[in-house]
C-alpha atoms as a PDB file:
ATOM      1  CA  MET A   1      32.100   2.503  14.688  1.00  0.00           C
ATOM      2  CA  THR A   2      30.455   1.002  17.754  1.00  0.00           C
ATOM      3  CA  ILE A   3      29.732   2.977  20.897  1.00  0.00           C
ATOM      4  CA  LYS A   4      29.578   1.146  24.208  1.00  0.00           C
ATOM      5  CA  HIS A   5      26.841   2.311  26.561  1.00  0.00           C
ATOM      6  CA  ASP A   6      26.160   0.428  29.788  1.00  0.00           C
ATOM      7  CA  GLY A   7      26.422  -2.959  28.096  1.00  0.00           C
ATOM      8  CA  LEU A   8      24.754  -1.893  24.862  1.00  0.00           C
ATOM      9  CA  ASP A   9      26.593  -1.782  21.542  1.00  0.00           C
ATOM     10  CA  VAL A  10      25.264   1.191  19.577  1.00  0.00           C
ATOM     11  CA  SER A  11      26.060   2.130  15.967  1.00  0.00           C
ATOM     12  CA  TRP A  12      24.716   4.954  13.824  1.00  0.00           C
ATOM     13  CA  LEU A  13      24.824   3.669  10.253  1.00  0.00           C
ATOM     14  CA  GLY A  14      23.683   6.878   8.561  1.00  0.00           C
ATOM     15  CA  TYR A  15      20.437   8.812   8.022  1.00  0.00           C
ATOM     16  CA  ALA A  16      18.041   7.497  10.700  1.00  0.00           C
ATOM     17  CA  THR A  17      19.492   3.993  10.919  1.00  0.00           C
ATOM     18  CA  VAL A  18      20.734   2.900  14.332  1.00  0.00           C
ATOM     19  CA  ARG A  19      21.712  -0.604  15.419  1.00  0.00           C
ATOM     20  CA  ILE A  20      21.567  -1.521  19.121  1.00  0.00           C
ATOM     21  CA  GLU A  21      22.695  -4.842  20.556  1.00  0.00           C
ATOM     22  CA  SER A  22      22.000  -5.904  24.133  1.00  0.00           C
ATOM     23  CA  PRO A  23      24.467  -7.813  26.330  1.00  0.00           C
ATOM     24  CA  ASP A  24      22.480 -10.959  25.488  1.00  0.00           C
ATOM     25  CA  GLY A  25      22.946 -10.415  21.761  1.00  0.00           C
ATOM     26  CA  TYR A  26      19.435  -9.169  20.978  1.00  0.00           C
ATOM     27  CA  VAL A  27      19.624  -6.723  18.055  1.00  0.00           C
ATOM     28  CA  VAL A  28      17.293  -3.808  17.356  1.00  0.00           C
ATOM     29  CA  TYR A  29      17.353  -1.541  14.311  1.00  0.00           C
ATOM     30  CA  PHE A  30      15.651   1.839  14.124  1.00  0.00           C
ATOM     31  CA  ASP A  31      14.523   3.012  10.670  1.00  0.00           C
ATOM     32  CA  PRO A  32      16.984   1.071   8.489  1.00  0.00           C
ATOM     33  CA  GLY A  33      17.950   2.306   5.066  1.00  0.00           C
ATOM     34  CA  ARG A  34      17.534   4.934   2.354  1.00  0.00           C
ATOM     35  CA  TYR A  35      20.044   7.181   0.595  1.00  0.00           C
ATOM     36  CA  GLY A  36      22.596   4.388   0.212  1.00  0.00           C
ATOM     37  CA  VAL A  37      23.484   4.268   3.906  1.00  0.00           C
ATOM     38  CA  LEU A  38      23.269   0.463   3.911  1.00  0.00           C
ATOM     39  CA  ASP A  39      24.983  -0.200   0.578  1.00  0.00           C
ATOM     40  CA  ASP A  40      26.986  -3.441   0.919  1.00  0.00           C
ATOM     41  CA  TYR A  41      25.592  -3.975   4.435  1.00  0.00           C
ATOM     42  CA  TYR A  42      23.954  -7.386   4.807  1.00  0.00           C
ATOM     43  CA  ALA A  43      24.125  -8.197   8.505  1.00  0.00           C
ATOM     44  CA  ARG A  44      20.716  -9.919   8.652  1.00  0.00           C
ATOM     45  CA  ASP A  45      21.080 -10.055  12.432  1.00  0.00           C
ATOM     46  CA  GLY A  46      18.148  -7.888  13.506  1.00  0.00           C
ATOM     47  CA  ASP A  47      15.654  -9.411  15.917  1.00  0.00           C
ATOM     48  CA  LEU A  48      13.445  -6.316  16.030  1.00  0.00           C
ATOM     49  CA  ILE A  49      13.038  -3.643  13.362  1.00  0.00           C
ATOM     50  CA  LEU A  50      11.250  -0.402  14.297  1.00  0.00           C
ATOM     51  CA  VAL A  51       9.905   1.931  11.596  1.00  0.00           C
ATOM     52  CA  THR A  52       8.616   5.397  12.448  1.00  0.00           C
ATOM     53  CA  HIS A  53       6.978   6.634   9.223  1.00  0.00           C
ATOM     54  CA  ASP A  54       6.813   6.549   5.421  1.00  0.00           C
ATOM     55  CA  HIS A  55       9.919   8.674   4.844  1.00  0.00           C
ATOM     56  CA  HIS A  56      12.054   6.125   6.687  1.00  0.00           C
ATOM     57  CA  TYR A  57      10.437   2.966   5.317  1.00  0.00           C
ATOM     58  CA  ASP A  58      12.788   0.952   3.099  1.00  0.00           C
ATOM     59  CA  SER A  59      11.700  -2.656   2.571  1.00  0.00           C
ATOM     60  CA  ASP A  60      14.938  -3.627   0.799  1.00  0.00           C
ATOM     61  CA  ALA A  61      16.950  -2.351   3.756  1.00  0.00           C
ATOM     62  CA  ILE A  62      14.780  -4.310   6.165  1.00  0.00           C
ATOM     63  CA  GLU A  63      15.690  -7.459   4.251  1.00  0.00           C
ATOM     64  CA  GLN A  64      19.369  -6.502   4.583  1.00  0.00           C
ATOM     65  CA  VAL A  65      19.238  -6.137   8.358  1.00  0.00           C
ATOM     66  CA  ALA A  66      16.528  -8.536   9.528  1.00  0.00           C
ATOM     67  CA  ASP A  67      17.118 -12.068  10.742  1.00  0.00           C
ATOM     68  CA  GLU A  68      14.724 -14.574   9.187  1.00  0.00           C
ATOM     69  CA  ASP A  69      12.841 -14.748  12.500  1.00  0.00           C
ATOM     70  CA  ALA A  70      12.731 -10.983  12.983  1.00  0.00           C
ATOM     71  CA  THR A  71       9.718  -8.945  14.018  1.00  0.00           C
ATOM     72  CA  VAL A  72       9.007  -5.709  12.162  1.00  0.00           C
ATOM     73  CA  VAL A  73       7.087  -3.065  14.082  1.00  0.00           C
ATOM     74  CA  ALA A  74       5.795  -0.275  11.865  1.00  0.00           C
ATOM     75  CA  TYR A  75       3.625   2.726  12.555  1.00  0.00           C
ATOM     76  CA  GLU A  76       0.082   2.202  11.277  1.00  0.00           C
ATOM     77  CA  GLY A  77       0.424   5.114   8.849  1.00  0.00           C
ATOM     78  CA  VAL A  78       3.246   3.497   6.857  1.00  0.00           C
ATOM     79  CA  ASN A  79       1.503   2.858   3.543  1.00  0.00           C
ATOM     80  CA  ALA A  80       3.308   1.675   0.424  1.00  0.00           C
ATOM     81  CA  ALA A  81       0.596   3.256  -1.728  1.00  0.00           C
ATOM     82  CA  ASN A  82       1.599   6.690  -0.455  1.00  0.00           C
ATOM     83  CA  ILE A  83       5.348   6.212  -0.988  1.00  0.00           C
ATOM     84  CA  ASP A  84       6.883   7.420  -4.243  1.00  0.00           C
ATOM     85  CA  ARG A  85       9.479   4.667  -4.167  1.00  0.00           C
ATOM     86  CA  ASP A  86       9.341   0.978  -5.069  1.00  0.00           C
ATOM     87  CA  VAL A  87       8.712  -0.676  -1.699  1.00  0.00           C
ATOM     88  CA  THR A  88       7.070  -3.880  -0.546  1.00  0.00           C
ATOM     89  CA  PRO A  89       3.973  -3.273   1.587  1.00  0.00           C
ATOM     90  CA  VAL A  90       4.578  -3.953   5.271  1.00  0.00           C
ATOM     91  CA  GLU A  91       2.035  -6.768   5.297  1.00  0.00           C
ATOM     92  CA  ASP A  92       3.861  -8.529   2.442  1.00  0.00           C
ATOM     93  CA  LEU A  93       7.231  -8.661   4.189  1.00  0.00           C
ATOM     94  CA  SER A  94       8.438 -12.181   4.988  1.00  0.00           C
ATOM     95  CA  TYR A  95       8.600 -11.480   8.727  1.00  0.00           C
ATOM     96  CA  GLU A  96       6.194 -11.187  11.589  1.00  0.00           C
ATOM     97  CA  THR A  97       4.782  -7.665  11.324  1.00  0.00           C
ATOM     98  CA  ILE A  98       3.048  -5.607  13.991  1.00  0.00           C
ATOM     99  CA  ARG A  99       1.294  -2.288  13.431  1.00  0.00           C
ATOM    100  CA  VAL A 100       1.269   0.338  16.163  1.00  0.00           C
ATOM    101  CA  ASN A 101      -0.438   3.664  16.737  1.00  0.00           C
ATOM    102  CA  ASP A 102       1.257   6.617  18.401  1.00  0.00           C
ATOM    103  CA  GLU A 103       0.231   5.738  21.959  1.00  0.00           C
ATOM    104  CA  ASP A 104       0.976   2.012  22.118  1.00  0.00           C
ATOM    105  CA  PHE A 105       2.892  -0.465  24.275  1.00  0.00           C
ATOM    106  CA  LEU A 106       4.121  -3.935  23.414  1.00  0.00           C
ATOM    107  CA  THR A 107       6.869  -6.388  24.299  1.00  0.00           C
ATOM    108  CA  VAL A 108       8.884  -8.118  21.575  1.00  0.00           C
ATOM    109  CA  GLY A 109      11.494 -10.589  22.755  1.00  0.00           C
ATOM    110  CA  GLU A 110      13.473  -8.888  25.496  1.00  0.00           C
ATOM    111  CA  VAL A 111      12.449  -5.377  24.454  1.00  0.00           C
ATOM    112  CA  ASP A 112       9.597  -3.265  25.822  1.00  0.00           C
ATOM    113  CA  VAL A 113       8.395  -0.752  23.245  1.00  0.00           C
ATOM    114  CA  TRP A 114       6.374   2.397  23.820  1.00  0.00           C
ATOM    115  CA  THR A 115       5.243   4.676  20.999  1.00  0.00           C
ATOM    116  CA  LEU A 116       4.595   8.394  21.246  1.00  0.00           C
ATOM    117  CA  PRO A 117       3.202  10.981  18.832  1.00  0.00           C
ATOM    118  CA  ALA A 118       5.808  12.571  16.570  1.00  0.00           C
ATOM    119  CA  PHE A 119       5.029  15.545  14.349  1.00  0.00           C
ATOM    120  CA  ASN A 120       5.796  19.156  13.471  1.00  0.00           C
ATOM    121  CA  ASP A 121       3.805  21.669  15.489  1.00  0.00           C
ATOM    122  CA  PRO A 122       1.507  23.505  13.029  1.00  0.00           C
ATOM    123  CA  ASP A 123       2.351  26.692  14.947  1.00  0.00           C
ATOM    124  CA  GLY A 124       6.065  25.896  15.097  1.00  0.00           C
ATOM    125  CA  PRO A 125       9.074  26.719  12.912  1.00  0.00           C
ATOM    126  CA  HIS A 126       9.334  23.551  10.824  1.00  0.00           C
ATOM    127  CA  LEU A 127       6.729  24.187   8.131  1.00  0.00           C
ATOM    128  CA  ARG A 128       6.555  24.179   4.353  1.00  0.00           C
ATOM    129  CA  ASP A 129       6.307  27.471   2.465  1.00  0.00           C
ATOM    130  CA  ASN A 130       2.525  27.037   2.351  1.00  0.00           C
ATOM    131  CA  GLY A 131       2.389  26.767   6.150  1.00  0.00           C
ATOM    132  CA  GLU A 132       1.766  23.013   6.289  1.00  0.00           C
ATOM    133  CA  PRO A 133       3.922  20.862   8.607  1.00  0.00           C
ATOM    134  CA  TYR A 134       6.477  18.625   6.921  1.00  0.00           C
ATOM    135  CA  HIS A 135       5.336  15.911   9.306  1.00  0.00           C
ATOM    136  CA  PRO A 136       1.688  16.382  10.304  1.00  0.00           C
ATOM    137  CA  ARG A 137       0.291  14.499  13.265  1.00  0.00           C
ATOM    138  CA  GLY A 138      -0.677  10.994  12.173  1.00  0.00           C
ATOM    139  CA  LEU A 139       2.220  10.546   9.762  1.00  0.00           C
ATOM    140  CA  GLY A 140       4.549   8.813  12.219  1.00  0.00           C
ATOM    141  CA  CYS A 141       5.554   7.995  15.760  1.00  0.00           C
ATOM    142  CA  ALA A 142       8.483   8.117  18.152  1.00  0.00           C
ATOM    143  CA  TYR A 143       9.888   5.067  19.953  1.00  0.00           C
ATOM    144  CA  HIS A 144      10.919   4.751  23.599  1.00  0.00           C
ATOM    145  CA  ILE A 145      12.305   1.285  24.319  1.00  0.00           C
ATOM    146  CA  SER A 146      13.746  -0.641  27.224  1.00  0.00           C
ATOM    147  CA  ILE A 147      16.567  -3.033  26.305  1.00  0.00           C
ATOM    148  CA  GLY A 148      19.238  -4.554  28.501  1.00  0.00           C
ATOM    149  CA  ASP A 149      17.941  -2.584  31.519  1.00  0.00           C
ATOM    150  CA  ARG A 150      18.553   0.643  29.589  1.00  0.00           C
ATOM    151  CA  THR A 151      16.034   3.008  28.008  1.00  0.00           C
ATOM    152  CA  VAL A 152      16.541   4.422  24.524  1.00  0.00           C
ATOM    153  CA  PHE A 153      14.552   7.267  22.975  1.00  0.00           C
ATOM    154  CA  TRP A 154      14.327   7.950  19.238  1.00  0.00           C
ATOM    155  CA  PRO A 155      11.925  10.849  18.588  1.00  0.00           C
ATOM    156  CA  GLY A 156      11.668  10.143  14.871  1.00  0.00           C
ATOM    157  CA  ASP A 157      10.926  13.088  12.618  1.00  0.00           C
ATOM    158  CA  SER A 158       9.399  15.518  15.062  1.00  0.00           C
ATOM    159  CA  ASP A 159       9.572  18.816  16.840  1.00  0.00           C
ATOM    160  CA  VAL A 160      10.261  18.775  20.566  1.00  0.00           C
ATOM    161  CA  LEU A 161       6.869  17.856  22.028  1.00  0.00           C
ATOM    162  CA  GLU A 162       5.736  18.215  25.617  1.00  0.00           C
ATOM    163  CA  GLY A 163       5.342  14.461  26.074  1.00  0.00           C
ATOM    164  CA  PHE A 164       9.012  13.931  25.325  1.00  0.00           C
ATOM    165  CA  ARG A 165      10.101  16.029  28.278  1.00  0.00           C
ATOM    166  CA  HIS A 166       8.738  13.600  30.873  1.00  0.00           C
ATOM    167  CA  LEU A 167      10.503  10.435  29.708  1.00  0.00           C
ATOM    168  CA  GLU A 168      13.125   8.501  31.629  1.00  0.00           C
ATOM    169  CA  VAL A 169      15.925   8.129  29.097  1.00  0.00           C
ATOM    170  CA  SER A 170      19.352   6.541  29.368  1.00  0.00           C
ATOM    171  CA  LEU A 171      20.368   6.947  25.703  1.00  0.00           C
ATOM    172  CA  PHE A 172      18.927   9.845  23.709  1.00  0.00           C
ATOM    173  CA  LEU A 173      19.226   9.485  19.936  1.00  0.00           C
ATOM    174  CA  ALA A 174      19.026  13.193  19.179  1.00  0.00           C
ATOM    175  CA  ASN A 175      17.541  14.220  15.850  1.00  0.00           C
ATOM    176  CA  ILE A 176      19.517  17.390  15.024  1.00  0.00           C
ATOM    177  CA  GLY A 177      18.915  17.780  11.272  1.00  0.00           C
ATOM    178  CA  GLY A 178      16.725  20.864  11.530  1.00  0.00           C
ATOM    179  CA  THR A 179      14.574  22.251   8.664  1.00  0.00           C
ATOM    180  CA  VAL A 180      12.047  19.384   8.725  1.00  0.00           C
ATOM    181  CA  VAL A 181      12.712  18.271  12.315  1.00  0.00           C
ATOM    182  CA  MET A 182      14.060  19.741  15.555  1.00  0.00           C
ATOM    183  CA  ASP A 183      17.388  21.494  15.066  1.00  0.00           C
ATOM    184  CA  ARG A 184      20.533  21.124  17.171  1.00  0.00           C
ATOM    185  CA  HIS A 185      19.548  23.942  19.534  1.00  0.00           C
ATOM    186  CA  GLU A 186      16.106  22.446  20.210  1.00  0.00           C
ATOM    187  CA  ALA A 187      17.603  18.969  20.600  1.00  0.00           C
ATOM    188  CA  ALA A 188      20.185  20.290  23.072  1.00  0.00           C
ATOM    189  CA  ASP A 189      17.429  21.925  25.133  1.00  0.00           C
ATOM    190  CA  LEU A 190      15.549  18.621  25.155  1.00  0.00           C
ATOM    191  CA  ALA A 191      18.707  16.777  26.181  1.00  0.00           C
ATOM    192  CA  GLU A 192      19.086  19.138  29.128  1.00  0.00           C
ATOM    193  CA  THR A 193      15.508  18.431  30.191  1.00  0.00           C
ATOM    194  CA  LEU A 194      15.825  14.657  29.794  1.00  0.00           C
ATOM    195  CA  ASP A 195      19.246  14.536  31.496  1.00  0.00           C
ATOM    196  CA  PRO A 196      20.142  11.181  29.900  1.00  0.00           C
ATOM    197  CA  ASP A 197      23.268   9.146  30.618  1.00  0.00           C
ATOM    198  CA  LEU A 198      24.385   9.655  27.013  1.00  0.00           C
ATOM    199  CA  VAL A 199      23.362  11.639  23.933  1.00  0.00           C
ATOM    200  CA  LEU A 200      24.147  10.448  20.394  1.00  0.00           C
ATOM    201  CA  PRO A 201      23.147  12.822  17.561  1.00  0.00           C
ATOM    202  CA  ILE A 202      21.843  11.168  14.378  1.00  0.00           C
ATOM    203  CA  HIS A 203      19.768  11.978  11.257  1.00  0.00           C
ATOM    204  CA  TYR A 204      21.953  14.793   9.969  1.00  0.00           C
ATOM    205  CA  ASP A 205      24.187  15.540   6.940  1.00  0.00           C
ATOM    206  CA  THR A 206      23.005  12.494   4.940  1.00  0.00           C
ATOM    207  CA  ILE A 207      21.180  14.822   2.533  1.00  0.00           C
ATOM    208  CA  PRO A 208      21.556  18.599   2.080  1.00  0.00           C
ATOM    209  CA  ILE A 209      18.304  19.452   3.846  1.00  0.00           C
ATOM    210  CA  LEU A 210      19.683  17.884   7.037  1.00  0.00           C
ATOM    211  CA  GLU A 211      23.006  19.700   7.229  1.00  0.00           C
ATOM    212  CA  ALA A 212      23.940  20.395  10.848  1.00  0.00           C
ATOM    213  CA  ASP A 213      26.983  21.350  12.896  1.00  0.00           C
ATOM    214  CA  ASP A 214      27.456  18.214  14.972  1.00  0.00           C
ATOM    215  CA  GLU A 215      30.549  19.520  16.747  1.00  0.00           C
ATOM    216  CA  ALA A 216      28.714  22.646  17.871  1.00  0.00           C
ATOM    217  CA  PHE A 217      25.928  20.409  19.167  1.00  0.00           C
ATOM    218  CA  VAL A 218      28.425  18.351  21.150  1.00  0.00           C
ATOM    219  CA  VAL A 219      29.960  21.460  22.714  1.00  0.00           C
ATOM    220  CA  ASP A 220      26.504  22.822  23.575  1.00  0.00           C
ATOM    221  CA  VAL A 221      25.363  19.586  25.236  1.00  0.00           C
ATOM    222  CA  ALA A 222      28.674  18.999  27.022  1.00  0.00           C
ATOM    223  CA  ASN A 223      28.562  22.538  28.423  1.00  0.00           C
ATOM    224  CA  ARG A 224      25.242  21.606  30.026  1.00  0.00           C
ATOM    225  CA  GLY A 225      26.975  18.762  31.868  1.00  0.00           C
ATOM    226  CA  ILE A 226      25.486  15.956  29.794  1.00  0.00           C
ATOM    227  CA  PRO A 227      27.631  13.145  28.335  1.00  0.00           C
ATOM    228  CA  VAL A 228      27.561  13.244  24.546  1.00  0.00           C
ATOM    229  CA  VAL A 229      29.374  11.347  21.803  1.00  0.00           C
ATOM    230  CA  LEU A 230      29.665  11.436  18.029  1.00  0.00           C
ATOM    231  CA  ASP A 231      29.571   8.383  15.785  1.00  0.00           C
ATOM    232  CA  ASP A 232      30.912   8.172  12.236  1.00  0.00           C
ATOM    233  CA  PRO A 233      28.530   6.237   9.966  1.00  0.00           C
ATOM    234  CA  GLU A 234      31.398   5.690   7.536  1.00  0.00           C
ATOM    235  CA  GLN A 235      33.135   3.465  10.098  1.00  0.00           C
ATOM    236  CA  VAL A 236      30.877   0.436  10.480  1.00  0.00           C
END
């Protein structure tokens, strides 16, 4: 379904895929695709496509959502050679492509885009059995954007990092999947710190490793006095 937020139309389409449309009709997609979440979805209306890291890079899905004049912004570490799936390299996509590092700023169309580091703390709880982070620093980035006079924050696949706590955020796309990223408790604590106008949890339940209690998250955040809403990716 579509959530209305201060003039923005916001839809979680499953996994990490979120579509945002401004009052002027400018469309942004975060991390489109994977795990069948865009099966039979061929909107091809995206003006700006933002990709955080290899795990969320799906070139076929980009073709399903991107307008022919779209701009694709991808973290510099997204490398088809390191992906164990059949994907088109970013540079070979038939769109304008821009590479970013994890401390960048750029303007695309009517959207201002800031990137931030996104990773699992090597001393934190989200580590492999051998002690290595699922998402080491340098694998991906987070995105903080300004669109339609609103700010949107998508932390990507990350723990809660100190830099996140100081952002001005209107819409917080909370990553609550846990295991390989922040869990619902950590995301709720971050929401309380950010004090956004609205929280929308995403990136959970699509695959078993991301199972999370979204209703418990909503209750937790609401009890902190922060507006929060659920979206159903099955209702496009």
